[in-house]
Amino acid sequence: MTTADQTVEEAADKLQEPDRMAGEDPSLIKARANGDGPASPQAGSLNPWLVVGVALAVGIVLAKWIDRREHARSGD
């Protein structure tokens, strides 16, 4: 096979992987539904909305700081 053929085959295998996983015995899903499986999310993990909010706030502060520096340099 050529490298293009190998690449297509690898991509096809990756696309079929969820189908194979779905066909397996979903005992972990059943255990979680019954409250017996591992908790998700893990204890002590950060809330994704908190991370997004902090990143947004830091980005806004950084943008304002850069904007003020540019205005100070231009003499406006």
C-alpha atoms as a PDB file:
ATOM      1  CA  MET A   1       0.000   0.000   0.000  1.00  0.00           C
ATOM      2  CA  THR A   2       1.038   3.552  -0.503  1.00  0.00           C
ATOM      3  CA  THR A   3       1.161   6.025   2.322  1.00  0.00           C
ATOM      4  CA  ALA A   4      -2.103   7.648   1.180  1.00  0.00           C
ATOM      5  CA  ASP A   5      -3.826   4.257   1.336  1.00  0.00           C
ATOM      6  CA  GLN A   6      -2.403   3.649   4.800  1.00  0.00           C
ATOM      7  CA  THR A   7      -3.599   7.046   5.966  1.00  0.00           C
ATOM      8  CA  VAL A   8      -7.118   6.380   4.688  1.00  0.00           C
ATOM      9  CA  GLU A   9      -7.159   2.947   6.320  1.00  0.00           C
ATOM     10  CA  GLU A  10      -5.978   4.361   9.653  1.00  0.00           C
ATOM     11  CA  ALA A  11      -8.635   7.093   9.508  1.00  0.00           C
ATOM     12  CA  ALA A  12     -11.319   4.507   8.719  1.00  0.00           C
ATOM     13  CA  ASP A  13     -10.180   2.379  11.665  1.00  0.00           C
ATOM     14  CA  LYS A  14     -10.388   5.383  13.997  1.00  0.00           C
ATOM     15  CA  LEU A  15     -13.884   6.200  12.745  1.00  0.00           C
ATOM     16  CA  GLN A  16     -15.043   2.629  13.359  1.00  0.00           C
ATOM     17  CA  GLU A  17     -13.572   2.485  16.869  1.00  0.00           C
ATOM     18  CA  PRO A  18     -16.655   3.983  18.621  1.00  0.00           C
ATOM     19  CA  ASP A  19     -18.817   1.345  16.895  1.00  0.00           C
ATOM     20  CA  ARG A  20     -16.617  -1.397  18.322  1.00  0.00           C
ATOM     21  CA  MET A  21     -16.715   0.149  21.766  1.00  0.00           C
ATOM     22  CA  ALA A  22     -20.510   0.430  21.612  1.00  0.00           C
ATOM     23  CA  GLY A  23     -20.759  -3.263  20.776  1.00  0.00           C
ATOM     24  CA  GLU A  24     -18.863  -4.257  23.922  1.00  0.00           C
ATOM     25  CA  ASP A  25     -20.594  -5.115  27.173  1.00  0.00           C
ATOM     26  CA  PRO A  26     -21.544  -1.735  28.733  1.00  0.00           C
ATOM     27  CA  SER A  27     -21.041  -2.940  32.295  1.00  0.00           C
ATOM     28  CA  LEU A  28     -19.322   0.295  33.359  1.00  0.00           C
ATOM     29  CA  ILE A  29     -22.295   2.298  32.100  1.00  0.00           C
ATOM     30  CA  LYS A  30     -24.670   0.032  33.992  1.00  0.00           C
ATOM     31  CA  ALA A  31     -22.566   0.327  37.144  1.00  0.00           C
ATOM     32  CA  ARG A  32     -22.561   4.127  36.930  1.00  0.00           C
ATOM     33  CA  ALA A  33     -26.320   4.152  36.378  1.00  0.00           C
ATOM     34  CA  ASN A  34     -26.756   2.086  39.543  1.00  0.00           C
ATOM     35  CA  GLY A  35     -24.349   4.291  41.478  1.00  0.00           C
ATOM     36  CA  ASP A  36     -21.754   1.531  41.820  1.00  0.00           C
ATOM     37  CA  GLY A  37     -19.197   2.747  39.274  1.00  0.00           C
ATOM     38  CA  PRO A  38     -16.541   5.418  39.624  1.00  0.00           C
ATOM     39  CA  ALA A  39     -17.888   8.912  40.075  1.00  0.00           C
ATOM     40  CA  SER A  40     -17.652  11.293  37.174  1.00  0.00           C
ATOM     41  CA  PRO A  41     -16.334  13.987  37.394  1.00  0.00           C
ATOM     42  CA  GLN A  42     -13.597  13.033  39.798  1.00  0.00           C
ATOM     43  CA  ALA A  43     -13.586  14.614  43.241  1.00  0.00           C
ATOM     44  CA  GLY A  44     -11.361  17.652  43.307  1.00  0.00           C
ATOM     45  CA  SER A  45     -11.586  18.361  39.594  1.00  0.00           C
ATOM     46  CA  LEU A  46     -12.306  21.891  38.437  1.00  0.00           C
ATOM     47  CA  ASN A  47     -15.642  22.946  37.073  1.00  0.00           C
ATOM     48  CA  PRO A  48     -15.166  23.577  33.320  1.00  0.00           C
ATOM     49  CA  TRP A  49     -17.380  26.679  33.483  1.00  0.00           C
ATOM     50  CA  LEU A  50     -15.146  28.116  36.191  1.00  0.00           C
ATOM     51  CA  VAL A  51     -12.083  27.546  34.019  1.00  0.00           C
ATOM     52  CA  VAL A  52     -13.781  29.218  31.027  1.00  0.00           C
ATOM     53  CA  GLY A  53     -14.883  32.166  33.170  1.00  0.00           C
ATOM     54  CA  VAL A  54     -11.419  32.713  34.613  1.00  0.00           C
ATOM     55  CA  ALA A  55      -9.828  32.455  31.165  1.00  0.00           C
ATOM     56  CA  LEU A  56     -12.316  35.003  29.808  1.00  0.00           C
ATOM     57  CA  ALA A  57     -11.646  37.413  32.662  1.00  0.00           C
ATOM     58  CA  VAL A  58      -7.869  37.093  32.257  1.00  0.00           C
ATOM     59  CA  GLY A  59      -8.216  37.646  28.516  1.00  0.00           C
ATOM     60  CA  ILE A  60     -10.272  40.811  28.994  1.00  0.00           C
ATOM     61  CA  VAL A  61      -7.835  42.217  31.561  1.00  0.00           C
ATOM     62  CA  LEU A  62      -4.876  41.404  29.315  1.00  0.00           C
ATOM     63  CA  ALA A  63      -6.546  43.027  26.279  1.00  0.00           C
ATOM     64  CA  LYS A  64      -7.306  46.205  28.241  1.00  0.00           C
ATOM     65  CA  TRP A  65      -3.747  46.348  29.566  1.00  0.00           C
ATOM     66  CA  ILE A  66      -2.310  45.993  26.050  1.00  0.00           C
ATOM     67  CA  ASP A  67      -4.738  48.608  24.714  1.00  0.00           C
ATOM     68  CA  ARG A  68      -3.727  51.126  27.396  1.00  0.00           C
ATOM     69  CA  ARG A  69      -0.036  50.574  26.651  1.00  0.00           C
ATOM     70  CA  GLU A  70      -0.659  51.233  22.946  1.00  0.00           C
ATOM     71  CA  HIS A  71      -2.534  54.452  23.741  1.00  0.00           C
ATOM     72  CA  ALA A  72       0.267  55.583  26.064  1.00  0.00           C
ATOM     73  CA  ARG A  73       2.870  55.043  23.328  1.00  0.00           C
ATOM     74  CA  SER A  74       0.913  56.863  20.659  1.00  0.00           C
ATOM     75  CA  GLY A  75       0.317  59.909  22.876  1.00  0.00           C
ATOM     76  CA  ASP A  76      -3.466  59.860  22.598  1.00  0.00           C
END
